[in-house]
């Protein structure tokens, strides 16, 4: 893991694979650990240089004030494009998971010459907030249970990991995978302040971003091979969101995983990696 300066900020990255291989850039949702190690390793074994990174105010990236971000969604999209150049590449297959998938959509739309392929996992075509009438919103029962959980002591690593496991169980994710990931996130949080740990664990900064203007109406302009992966058991962004996203992106392939909920499970690494590796890595115009 190391910091890379791009678009005027430091972005924490981790690299798998050989420098000479085609670049796969994975935007955190919000931290890089939303992308399982197993998936990154499978992609690298398939001949890709894989770089997963933390969004601003998360993990090893520049952290200023997660409660009042002085940047927008489009700035995060510009970070992704600048990171490709900073890594010495001319183009990249861009992946985004959860809110990172929103970053990836806007990045591909705003910087069409930079990205040669897209993978969008467990995300939707609109920003946080009120959802479009044709898109299914968060499962109300699951959200009620989720928000009823008492908050942990954010300075207590074990308590934070246990809280993550409880949240995962309510969402249909693997509690032990969530517990392990949360502990790793806690260890990588650069500040010891409880508020910093809370922001990293819950991705709170994203809910405070200015995400205007809307981009859903522009999705038909995307002209790169696109893979949309969604869990059929996703209670946070129900599967109809992934279906709508794939329907609006020309030529997109939709892969629905019956055993997946919100998080990408380690057990799906081989299947998702194979689907990603099937996408062309060279733009048609090259």
C-alpha atoms as a PDB file:
ATOM      1  CA  UNK A   1       0.000   0.000   0.000  1.00  0.00           C
ATOM      2  CA  UNK A   2       1.216   3.506  -0.804  1.00  0.00           C
ATOM      3  CA  UNK A   3      -0.091   7.014  -1.443  1.00  0.00           C
ATOM      4  CA  UNK A   4      -0.278   8.352  -5.001  1.00  0.00           C
ATOM      5  CA  UNK A   5      -0.820  12.037  -5.689  1.00  0.00           C
ATOM      6  CA  UNK A   6      -3.553  12.726  -8.240  1.00  0.00           C
ATOM      7  CA  UNK A   7      -5.852  15.696  -8.844  1.00  0.00           C
ATOM      8  CA  UNK A   8      -4.192  17.609  -5.997  1.00  0.00           C
ATOM      9  CA  UNK A   9      -4.810  14.983  -3.274  1.00  0.00           C
ATOM     10  CA  UNK A  10      -3.104  11.886  -1.921  1.00  0.00           C
ATOM     11  CA  UNK A  11      -4.974   8.669  -2.669  1.00  0.00           C
ATOM     12  CA  UNK A  12      -4.186   5.494  -0.773  1.00  0.00           C
ATOM     13  CA  UNK A  13      -3.713   2.630  -3.225  1.00  0.00           C
ATOM     14  CA  UNK A  14      -2.772  -1.027  -3.194  1.00  0.00           C
ATOM     15  CA  UNK A  15      -1.339  -2.707  -6.280  1.00  0.00           C
ATOM     16  CA  UNK A  16      -1.622  -6.326  -7.427  1.00  0.00           C
ATOM     17  CA  UNK A  17       0.024  -7.758 -10.542  1.00  0.00           C
ATOM     18  CA  UNK A  18       2.651  -6.588 -13.005  1.00  0.00           C
ATOM     19  CA  UNK A  19       3.207  -2.994 -14.073  1.00  0.00           C
ATOM     20  CA  UNK A  20       3.184  -3.945 -17.759  1.00  0.00           C
ATOM     21  CA  UNK A  21      -0.296  -5.499 -17.668  1.00  0.00           C
ATOM     22  CA  UNK A  22      -3.520  -3.630 -18.579  1.00  0.00           C
ATOM     23  CA  UNK A  23      -4.764  -1.521 -15.682  1.00  0.00           C
ATOM     24  CA  UNK A  24      -7.898  -2.331 -13.700  1.00  0.00           C
ATOM     25  CA  UNK A  25      -8.692   0.548 -11.325  1.00  0.00           C
ATOM     26  CA  UNK A  26     -11.079  -0.240  -8.464  1.00  0.00           C
ATOM     27  CA  UNK A  27     -12.762   2.675  -6.676  1.00  0.00           C
ATOM     28  CA  UNK A  28     -13.495   2.025  -3.027  1.00  0.00           C
ATOM     29  CA  UNK A  29     -16.992   2.093  -1.757  1.00  0.00           C
ATOM     30  CA  UNK A  30     -15.793   4.044   0.200  1.00  0.00           C
ATOM     31  CA  UNK A  31     -12.560   2.274   1.204  1.00  0.00           C
ATOM     32  CA  UNK A  32     -10.544  -0.057  -1.012  1.00  0.00           C
ATOM     33  CA  UNK A  33     -11.367  -3.009   1.253  1.00  0.00           C
ATOM     34  CA  UNK A  34     -14.851  -3.189  -0.247  1.00  0.00           C
ATOM     35  CA  UNK A  35     -12.981  -5.028  -3.026  1.00  0.00           C
ATOM     36  CA  UNK A  36     -12.035  -8.473  -1.634  1.00  0.00           C
ATOM     37  CA  UNK A  37      -8.399  -9.559  -1.747  1.00  0.00           C
ATOM     38  CA  UNK A  38      -9.453 -12.755  -3.542  1.00  0.00           C
ATOM     39  CA  UNK A  39     -10.978 -10.824  -6.453  1.00  0.00           C
ATOM     40  CA  UNK A  40      -7.919  -8.593  -6.842  1.00  0.00           C
ATOM     41  CA  UNK A  41      -5.647 -11.654  -6.792  1.00  0.00           C
ATOM     42  CA  UNK A  42      -7.759 -13.472  -9.417  1.00  0.00           C
ATOM     43  CA  UNK A  43      -7.665 -10.457 -11.730  1.00  0.00           C
ATOM     44  CA  UNK A  44      -3.896 -10.148 -11.313  1.00  0.00           C
ATOM     45  CA  UNK A  45      -3.479 -13.849 -12.068  1.00  0.00           C
ATOM     46  CA  UNK A  46      -5.522 -13.219 -15.235  1.00  0.00           C
ATOM     47  CA  UNK A  47      -2.955 -10.734 -16.522  1.00  0.00           C
ATOM     48  CA  UNK A  48      -4.186  -7.452 -15.101  1.00  0.00           C
ATOM     49  CA  UNK A  49      -2.455  -4.772 -13.068  1.00  0.00           C
ATOM     50  CA  UNK A  50      -5.028  -4.198 -10.335  1.00  0.00           C
ATOM     51  CA  UNK A  51      -5.071  -1.003  -8.289  1.00  0.00           C
ATOM     52  CA  UNK A  52      -7.716  -0.578  -5.609  1.00  0.00           C
ATOM     53  CA  UNK A  53      -7.922   2.770  -3.871  1.00  0.00           C
ATOM     54  CA  UNK A  54      -9.644   4.692  -1.075  1.00  0.00           C
ATOM     55  CA  UNK A  55     -11.913   7.609  -1.870  1.00  0.00           C
ATOM     56  CA  UNK A  56     -11.067  10.943  -0.226  1.00  0.00           C
ATOM     57  CA  UNK A  57     -11.638  11.151   3.528  1.00  0.00           C
ATOM     58  CA  UNK A  58     -11.318   7.372   3.754  1.00  0.00           C
ATOM     59  CA  UNK A  59      -8.530   4.914   4.572  1.00  0.00           C
ATOM     60  CA  UNK A  60      -5.108   6.045   3.394  1.00  0.00           C
ATOM     61  CA  UNK A  61      -6.368   8.912   1.228  1.00  0.00           C
ATOM     62  CA  UNK A  62      -6.342  12.610   2.081  1.00  0.00           C
ATOM     63  CA  UNK A  63      -8.602  13.134   5.085  1.00  0.00           C
ATOM     64  CA  UNK A  64      -9.719  16.634   6.029  1.00  0.00           C
ATOM     65  CA  UNK A  65     -13.265  16.671   7.382  1.00  0.00           C
ATOM     66  CA  UNK A  66     -15.586  13.746   6.516  1.00  0.00           C
ATOM     67  CA  UNK A  67     -18.484  15.654   8.068  1.00  0.00           C
ATOM     68  CA  UNK A  68     -18.104  18.619   5.690  1.00  0.00           C
ATOM     69  CA  UNK A  69     -16.414  17.547   2.446  1.00  0.00           C
ATOM     70  CA  UNK A  70     -15.142  20.453   0.406  1.00  0.00           C
ATOM     71  CA  UNK A  71     -15.502  18.619  -2.895  1.00  0.00           C
ATOM     72  CA  UNK A  72     -18.203  17.019  -5.037  1.00  0.00           C
ATOM     73  CA  UNK A  73     -18.998  13.692  -6.663  1.00  0.00           C
ATOM     74  CA  UNK A  74     -17.531  15.047  -9.886  1.00  0.00           C
ATOM     75  CA  UNK A  75     -14.271  15.786  -8.069  1.00  0.00           C
ATOM     76  CA  UNK A  76     -14.129  12.132  -6.996  1.00  0.00           C
ATOM     77  CA  UNK A  77     -14.723  11.156 -10.618  1.00  0.00           C
ATOM     78  CA  UNK A  78     -11.853  13.442 -11.663  1.00  0.00           C
ATOM     79  CA  UNK A  79      -9.665  11.735  -9.036  1.00  0.00           C
ATOM     80  CA  UNK A  80     -10.199   8.409 -10.824  1.00  0.00           C
ATOM     81  CA  UNK A  81      -9.213   9.852 -14.192  1.00  0.00           C
ATOM     82  CA  UNK A  82      -6.148  11.585 -12.747  1.00  0.00           C
ATOM     83  CA  UNK A  83      -5.104   8.414 -10.964  1.00  0.00           C
ATOM     84  CA  UNK A  84      -4.911   6.546 -14.281  1.00  0.00           C
ATOM     85  CA  UNK A  85      -2.379   9.108 -15.513  1.00  0.00           C
ATOM     86  CA  UNK A  86      -0.489   9.138 -12.208  1.00  0.00           C
ATOM     87  CA  UNK A  87      -0.099   5.378 -12.453  1.00  0.00           C
ATOM     88  CA  UNK A  88       1.521   5.769 -15.869  1.00  0.00           C
ATOM     89  CA  UNK A  89      -1.358   4.329 -17.898  1.00  0.00           C
ATOM     90  CA  UNK A  90      -3.306   5.819 -20.786  1.00  0.00           C
ATOM     91  CA  UNK A  91      -6.528   3.920 -20.146  1.00  0.00           C
ATOM     92  CA  UNK A  92      -8.076   1.642 -17.534  1.00  0.00           C
ATOM     93  CA  UNK A  93     -10.933  -0.720 -16.873  1.00  0.00           C
ATOM     94  CA  UNK A  94     -12.726   1.106 -14.044  1.00  0.00           C
ATOM     95  CA  UNK A  95     -14.656  -0.714 -11.346  1.00  0.00           C
ATOM     96  CA  UNK A  96     -16.910   0.770  -8.691  1.00  0.00           C
ATOM     97  CA  UNK A  97     -18.809  -0.933  -5.893  1.00  0.00           C
ATOM     98  CA  UNK A  98     -21.696   0.625  -3.935  1.00  0.00           C
ATOM     99  CA  UNK A  99     -21.180   4.376  -3.815  1.00  0.00           C
ATOM    100  CA  UNK A 100     -17.920   3.791  -5.684  1.00  0.00           C
ATOM    101  CA  UNK A 101     -20.115   2.624  -8.544  1.00  0.00           C
ATOM    102  CA  UNK A 102     -21.657   6.085  -8.649  1.00  0.00           C
ATOM    103  CA  UNK A 103     -18.163   7.574  -8.854  1.00  0.00           C
ATOM    104  CA  UNK A 104     -17.333   5.167 -11.684  1.00  0.00           C
ATOM    105  CA  UNK A 105     -20.431   6.058 -13.713  1.00  0.00           C
ATOM    106  CA  UNK A 106     -19.717   9.785 -13.523  1.00  0.00           C
ATOM    107  CA  UNK A 107     -16.003   9.253 -14.198  1.00  0.00           C
ATOM    108  CA  UNK A 108     -16.725   7.318 -17.386  1.00  0.00           C
ATOM    109  CA  UNK A 109     -19.211   9.965 -18.534  1.00  0.00           C
ATOM    110  CA  UNK A 110     -17.033  12.972 -17.688  1.00  0.00           C
ATOM    111  CA  UNK A 111     -13.753  11.447 -18.926  1.00  0.00           C
ATOM    112  CA  UNK A 112     -14.749   9.266 -21.892  1.00  0.00           C
ATOM    113  CA  UNK A 113     -11.248   8.911 -23.325  1.00  0.00           C
ATOM    114  CA  UNK A 114      -9.740   7.528 -20.135  1.00  0.00           C
ATOM    115  CA  UNK A 115     -11.751   4.391 -19.408  1.00  0.00           C
ATOM    116  CA  UNK A 116     -11.911   1.393 -21.714  1.00  0.00           C
ATOM    117  CA  UNK A 117     -14.400  -0.715 -19.710  1.00  0.00           C
ATOM    118  CA  UNK A 118     -16.669  -0.464 -16.671  1.00  0.00           C
ATOM    119  CA  UNK A 119     -17.660  -2.858 -13.897  1.00  0.00           C
ATOM    120  CA  UNK A 120     -20.447  -1.606 -11.623  1.00  0.00           C
ATOM    121  CA  UNK A 121     -21.246  -3.715  -8.560  1.00  0.00           C
ATOM    122  CA  UNK A 122     -24.171  -3.339  -6.167  1.00  0.00           C
ATOM    123  CA  UNK A 123     -24.899   0.242  -7.150  1.00  0.00           C
ATOM    124  CA  UNK A 124     -27.613   2.341  -8.792  1.00  0.00           C
ATOM    125  CA  UNK A 125     -27.923   5.127 -11.382  1.00  0.00           C
ATOM    126  CA  UNK A 126     -28.876   7.915  -8.965  1.00  0.00           C
ATOM    127  CA  UNK A 127     -27.190   9.609  -6.007  1.00  0.00           C
ATOM    128  CA  UNK A 128     -27.972   9.076  -2.320  1.00  0.00           C
ATOM    129  CA  UNK A 129     -31.303  10.572  -1.317  1.00  0.00           C
ATOM    130  CA  UNK A 130     -34.821  10.204  -2.697  1.00  0.00           C
ATOM    131  CA  UNK A 131     -34.906   7.476  -5.331  1.00  0.00           C
ATOM    132  CA  UNK A 132     -36.604   7.706  -8.755  1.00  0.00           C
ATOM    133  CA  UNK A 133     -40.139   6.319  -8.854  1.00  0.00           C
ATOM    134  CA  UNK A 134     -39.165   3.391 -11.091  1.00  0.00           C
ATOM    135  CA  UNK A 135     -36.272   2.261  -8.856  1.00  0.00           C
ATOM    136  CA  UNK A 136     -36.769   0.124  -5.739  1.00  0.00           C
ATOM    137  CA  UNK A 137     -35.701   1.888  -2.554  1.00  0.00           C
ATOM    138  CA  UNK A 138     -33.953   0.396   0.469  1.00  0.00           C
ATOM    139  CA  UNK A 139     -35.882  -2.438   2.105  1.00  0.00           C
ATOM    140  CA  UNK A 140     -37.850  -0.673   4.844  1.00  0.00           C
ATOM    141  CA  UNK A 141     -37.825  -3.546   7.338  1.00  0.00           C
ATOM    142  CA  UNK A 142     -34.099  -4.107   6.986  1.00  0.00           C
ATOM    143  CA  UNK A 143     -33.365  -0.389   7.301  1.00  0.00           C
ATOM    144  CA  UNK A 144     -35.491  -0.184  10.439  1.00  0.00           C
ATOM    145  CA  UNK A 145     -33.539  -3.009  12.032  1.00  0.00           C
ATOM    146  CA  UNK A 146     -30.235  -1.576  10.834  1.00  0.00           C
ATOM    147  CA  UNK A 147     -30.833   1.877  12.282  1.00  0.00           C
ATOM    148  CA  UNK A 148     -32.077   0.366  15.533  1.00  0.00           C
ATOM    149  CA  UNK A 149     -28.662  -1.120  16.254  1.00  0.00           C
ATOM    150  CA  UNK A 150     -26.884   0.770  19.033  1.00  0.00           C
ATOM    151  CA  UNK A 151     -23.732   2.500  17.859  1.00  0.00           C
ATOM    152  CA  UNK A 152     -20.473   0.995  19.124  1.00  0.00           C
ATOM    153  CA  UNK A 153     -17.631   2.737  20.895  1.00  0.00           C
ATOM    154  CA  UNK A 154     -15.800   3.801  17.747  1.00  0.00           C
ATOM    155  CA  UNK A 155     -12.481   3.811  19.618  1.00  0.00           C
ATOM    156  CA  UNK A 156     -12.883   0.090  20.461  1.00  0.00           C
ATOM    157  CA  UNK A 157     -11.652  -2.100  17.600  1.00  0.00           C
ATOM    158  CA  UNK A 158     -13.452  -5.241  18.774  1.00  0.00           C
ATOM    159  CA  UNK A 159     -16.726  -3.389  19.320  1.00  0.00           C
ATOM    160  CA  UNK A 160     -16.557  -1.855  15.860  1.00  0.00           C
ATOM    161  CA  UNK A 161     -15.897  -5.248  14.274  1.00  0.00           C
ATOM    162  CA  UNK A 162     -18.815  -6.796  16.196  1.00  0.00           C
ATOM    163  CA  UNK A 163     -21.095  -3.961  15.069  1.00  0.00           C
ATOM    164  CA  UNK A 164     -20.090  -4.575  11.452  1.00  0.00           C
ATOM    165  CA  UNK A 165     -20.917  -8.254  11.840  1.00  0.00           C
ATOM    166  CA  UNK A 166     -24.347  -7.420  13.272  1.00  0.00           C
ATOM    167  CA  UNK A 167     -25.051  -5.038  10.372  1.00  0.00           C
ATOM    168  CA  UNK A 168     -23.982  -7.671   7.867  1.00  0.00           C
ATOM    169  CA  UNK A 169     -26.317 -10.248   9.370  1.00  0.00           C
ATOM    170  CA  UNK A 170     -29.254  -7.859   9.002  1.00  0.00           C
ATOM    171  CA  UNK A 171     -28.346  -7.144   5.377  1.00  0.00           C
ATOM    172  CA  UNK A 172     -27.823 -10.786   4.431  1.00  0.00           C
ATOM    173  CA  UNK A 173     -24.035 -10.492   4.123  1.00  0.00           C
ATOM    174  CA  UNK A 174     -21.420 -12.775   5.660  1.00  0.00           C
ATOM    175  CA  UNK A 175     -20.962 -11.588   9.276  1.00  0.00           C
ATOM    176  CA  UNK A 176     -17.461 -13.035   9.625  1.00  0.00           C
ATOM    177  CA  UNK A 177     -16.235 -11.501   6.384  1.00  0.00           C
ATOM    178  CA  UNK A 178     -17.685  -8.183   7.575  1.00  0.00           C
ATOM    179  CA  UNK A 179     -16.043  -8.545  10.988  1.00  0.00           C
ATOM    180  CA  UNK A 180     -12.629  -9.173   9.432  1.00  0.00           C
ATOM    181  CA  UNK A 181     -12.974  -6.326   6.938  1.00  0.00           C
ATOM    182  CA  UNK A 182     -14.101  -3.867   9.617  1.00  0.00           C
ATOM    183  CA  UNK A 183     -11.092  -4.715  11.795  1.00  0.00           C
ATOM    184  CA  UNK A 184      -8.777  -4.153   8.837  1.00  0.00           C
ATOM    185  CA  UNK A 185     -10.496  -0.838   8.079  1.00  0.00           C
ATOM    186  CA  UNK A 186     -10.098   0.204  11.715  1.00  0.00           C
ATOM    187  CA  UNK A 187      -6.370  -0.589  11.556  1.00  0.00           C
ATOM    188  CA  UNK A 188      -5.979   1.501   8.387  1.00  0.00           C
ATOM    189  CA  UNK A 189      -7.842   4.565   9.658  1.00  0.00           C
ATOM    190  CA  UNK A 190      -5.156   7.282   9.875  1.00  0.00           C
ATOM    191  CA  UNK A 191      -6.736   9.108  12.805  1.00  0.00           C
ATOM    192  CA  UNK A 192      -7.465   7.735  16.266  1.00  0.00           C
ATOM    193  CA  UNK A 193     -10.509  10.006  16.597  1.00  0.00           C
ATOM    194  CA  UNK A 194     -13.770   8.055  17.027  1.00  0.00           C
ATOM    195  CA  UNK A 195     -15.416  10.277  14.397  1.00  0.00           C
ATOM    196  CA  UNK A 196     -12.803   9.225  11.848  1.00  0.00           C
ATOM    197  CA  UNK A 197     -13.432   5.541  12.540  1.00  0.00           C
ATOM    198  CA  UNK A 198     -17.171   6.081  12.242  1.00  0.00           C
ATOM    199  CA  UNK A 199     -16.748   7.876   8.916  1.00  0.00           C
ATOM    200  CA  UNK A 200     -14.519   5.118   7.528  1.00  0.00           C
ATOM    201  CA  UNK A 201     -16.769   2.289   8.650  1.00  0.00           C
ATOM    202  CA  UNK A 202     -20.053   3.801   7.501  1.00  0.00           C
ATOM    203  CA  UNK A 203     -18.903   5.795   4.476  1.00  0.00           C
ATOM    204  CA  UNK A 204     -20.690   8.793   5.966  1.00  0.00           C
ATOM    205  CA  UNK A 205     -18.860  11.324   3.823  1.00  0.00           C
ATOM    206  CA  UNK A 206     -20.750  10.220   0.716  1.00  0.00           C
ATOM    207  CA  UNK A 207     -24.145  11.179   2.106  1.00  0.00           C
ATOM    208  CA  UNK A 208     -22.835  14.729   2.588  1.00  0.00           C
ATOM    209  CA  UNK A 209     -21.499  15.204  -0.943  1.00  0.00           C
ATOM    210  CA  UNK A 210     -22.940  17.496  -3.556  1.00  0.00           C
ATOM    211  CA  UNK A 211     -23.853  14.934  -6.229  1.00  0.00           C
ATOM    212  CA  UNK A 212     -25.504  17.326  -8.695  1.00  0.00           C
ATOM    213  CA  UNK A 213     -26.175  17.293 -11.548  1.00  0.00           C
ATOM    214  CA  UNK A 214     -27.997  14.027 -12.198  1.00  0.00           C
ATOM    215  CA  UNK A 215     -26.231  11.617 -14.515  1.00  0.00           C
ATOM    216  CA  UNK A 216     -28.831   8.890 -15.114  1.00  0.00           C
ATOM    217  CA  UNK A 217     -30.109  10.612 -18.236  1.00  0.00           C
ATOM    218  CA  UNK A 218     -26.583  10.518 -19.708  1.00  0.00           C
ATOM    219  CA  UNK A 219     -26.016   6.765 -19.345  1.00  0.00           C
ATOM    220  CA  UNK A 220     -27.017   6.162 -22.964  1.00  0.00           C
ATOM    221  CA  UNK A 221     -23.871   8.064 -23.973  1.00  0.00           C
ATOM    222  CA  UNK A 222     -21.571   5.422 -22.506  1.00  0.00           C
ATOM    223  CA  UNK A 223     -19.714   3.629 -25.273  1.00  0.00           C
ATOM    224  CA  UNK A 224     -17.477   1.223 -23.363  1.00  0.00           C
ATOM    225  CA  UNK A 225     -18.017  -2.466 -22.549  1.00  0.00           C
ATOM    226  CA  UNK A 226     -19.847  -2.595 -19.231  1.00  0.00           C
ATOM    227  CA  UNK A 227     -20.513  -5.319 -16.682  1.00  0.00           C
ATOM    228  CA  UNK A 228     -23.202  -4.752 -14.049  1.00  0.00           C
ATOM    229  CA  UNK A 229     -23.061  -7.150 -11.084  1.00  0.00           C
ATOM    230  CA  UNK A 230     -25.834  -7.208  -8.504  1.00  0.00           C
ATOM    231  CA  UNK A 231     -26.901  -9.428  -5.642  1.00  0.00           C
ATOM    232  CA  UNK A 232     -30.423 -10.778  -5.842  1.00  0.00           C
ATOM    233  CA  UNK A 233     -30.574 -10.576  -2.034  1.00  0.00           C
ATOM    234  CA  UNK A 234     -29.400  -6.948  -1.855  1.00  0.00           C
ATOM    235  CA  UNK A 235     -31.662  -5.158   0.644  1.00  0.00           C
ATOM    236  CA  UNK A 236     -29.833  -1.826   0.510  1.00  0.00           C
ATOM    237  CA  UNK A 237     -29.981  -1.361  -3.268  1.00  0.00           C
ATOM    238  CA  UNK A 238     -32.528  -4.001  -4.384  1.00  0.00           C
ATOM    239  CA  UNK A 239     -31.770  -5.820  -7.616  1.00  0.00           C
ATOM    240  CA  UNK A 240     -34.104  -3.642  -9.684  1.00  0.00           C
ATOM    241  CA  UNK A 241     -31.482  -0.905  -9.416  1.00  0.00           C
ATOM    242  CA  UNK A 242     -28.884  -3.066 -11.144  1.00  0.00           C
ATOM    243  CA  UNK A 243     -31.415  -4.150 -13.753  1.00  0.00           C
ATOM    244  CA  UNK A 244     -32.274  -0.536 -14.552  1.00  0.00           C
ATOM    245  CA  UNK A 245     -28.610   0.425 -14.723  1.00  0.00           C
ATOM    246  CA  UNK A 246     -27.802  -2.372 -17.162  1.00  0.00           C
ATOM    247  CA  UNK A 247     -30.853  -1.547 -19.279  1.00  0.00           C
ATOM    248  CA  UNK A 248     -29.770   2.080 -19.753  1.00  0.00           C
ATOM    249  CA  UNK A 249     -26.118   1.451 -20.647  1.00  0.00           C
ATOM    250  CA  UNK A 250     -25.823   0.346 -24.286  1.00  0.00           C
ATOM    251  CA  UNK A 251     -24.681  -3.265 -24.579  1.00  0.00           C
ATOM    252  CA  UNK A 252     -24.179  -3.744 -20.826  1.00  0.00           C
ATOM    253  CA  UNK A 253     -24.068  -7.296 -19.472  1.00  0.00           C
ATOM    254  CA  UNK A 254     -26.016  -7.965 -16.267  1.00  0.00           C
ATOM    255  CA  UNK A 255     -24.728 -10.632 -13.878  1.00  0.00           C
ATOM    256  CA  UNK A 256     -27.116 -11.305 -10.990  1.00  0.00           C
ATOM    257  CA  UNK A 257     -25.667 -13.409  -8.181  1.00  0.00           C
ATOM    258  CA  UNK A 258     -28.326 -15.287  -6.247  1.00  0.00           C
ATOM    259  CA  UNK A 259     -26.198 -15.689  -3.118  1.00  0.00           C
ATOM    260  CA  UNK A 260     -24.985 -12.087  -2.957  1.00  0.00           C
ATOM    261  CA  UNK A 261     -26.544  -9.340  -0.854  1.00  0.00           C
ATOM    262  CA  UNK A 262     -24.869  -5.937  -0.400  1.00  0.00           C
ATOM    263  CA  UNK A 263     -21.180  -6.836  -0.079  1.00  0.00           C
ATOM    264  CA  UNK A 264     -19.236  -8.772  -2.692  1.00  0.00           C
ATOM    265  CA  UNK A 265     -18.567 -12.158  -1.048  1.00  0.00           C
ATOM    266  CA  UNK A 266     -15.198 -13.869  -1.266  1.00  0.00           C
ATOM    267  CA  UNK A 267     -16.989 -16.915  -2.689  1.00  0.00           C
ATOM    268  CA  UNK A 268     -17.990 -14.912  -5.782  1.00  0.00           C
ATOM    269  CA  UNK A 269     -14.432 -13.816  -6.598  1.00  0.00           C
ATOM    270  CA  UNK A 270     -13.812 -16.399  -9.323  1.00  0.00           C
ATOM    271  CA  UNK A 271     -17.125 -15.776 -11.118  1.00  0.00           C
ATOM    272  CA  UNK A 272     -16.879 -11.995 -10.992  1.00  0.00           C
ATOM    273  CA  UNK A 273     -13.200 -11.988 -11.979  1.00  0.00           C
ATOM    274  CA  UNK A 274     -13.949 -14.218 -14.970  1.00  0.00           C
ATOM    275  CA  UNK A 275     -16.727 -11.880 -16.099  1.00  0.00           C
ATOM    276  CA  UNK A 276     -14.475  -8.842 -15.709  1.00  0.00           C
ATOM    277  CA  UNK A 277     -11.656 -10.503 -17.629  1.00  0.00           C
ATOM    278  CA  UNK A 278     -14.077 -11.210 -20.476  1.00  0.00           C
ATOM    279  CA  UNK A 279     -14.540  -7.480 -21.062  1.00  0.00           C
ATOM    280  CA  UNK A 280     -12.268  -6.021 -23.780  1.00  0.00           C
ATOM    281  CA  UNK A 281      -9.318  -4.070 -22.380  1.00  0.00           C
ATOM    282  CA  UNK A 282      -8.540  -2.000 -25.471  1.00  0.00           C
ATOM    283  CA  UNK A 283     -10.909   0.786 -26.628  1.00  0.00           C
ATOM    284  CA  UNK A 284     -12.456   0.062 -30.064  1.00  0.00           C
ATOM    285  CA  UNK A 285     -10.852   3.225 -31.478  1.00  0.00           C
ATOM    286  CA  UNK A 286      -7.316   2.243 -30.400  1.00  0.00           C
END
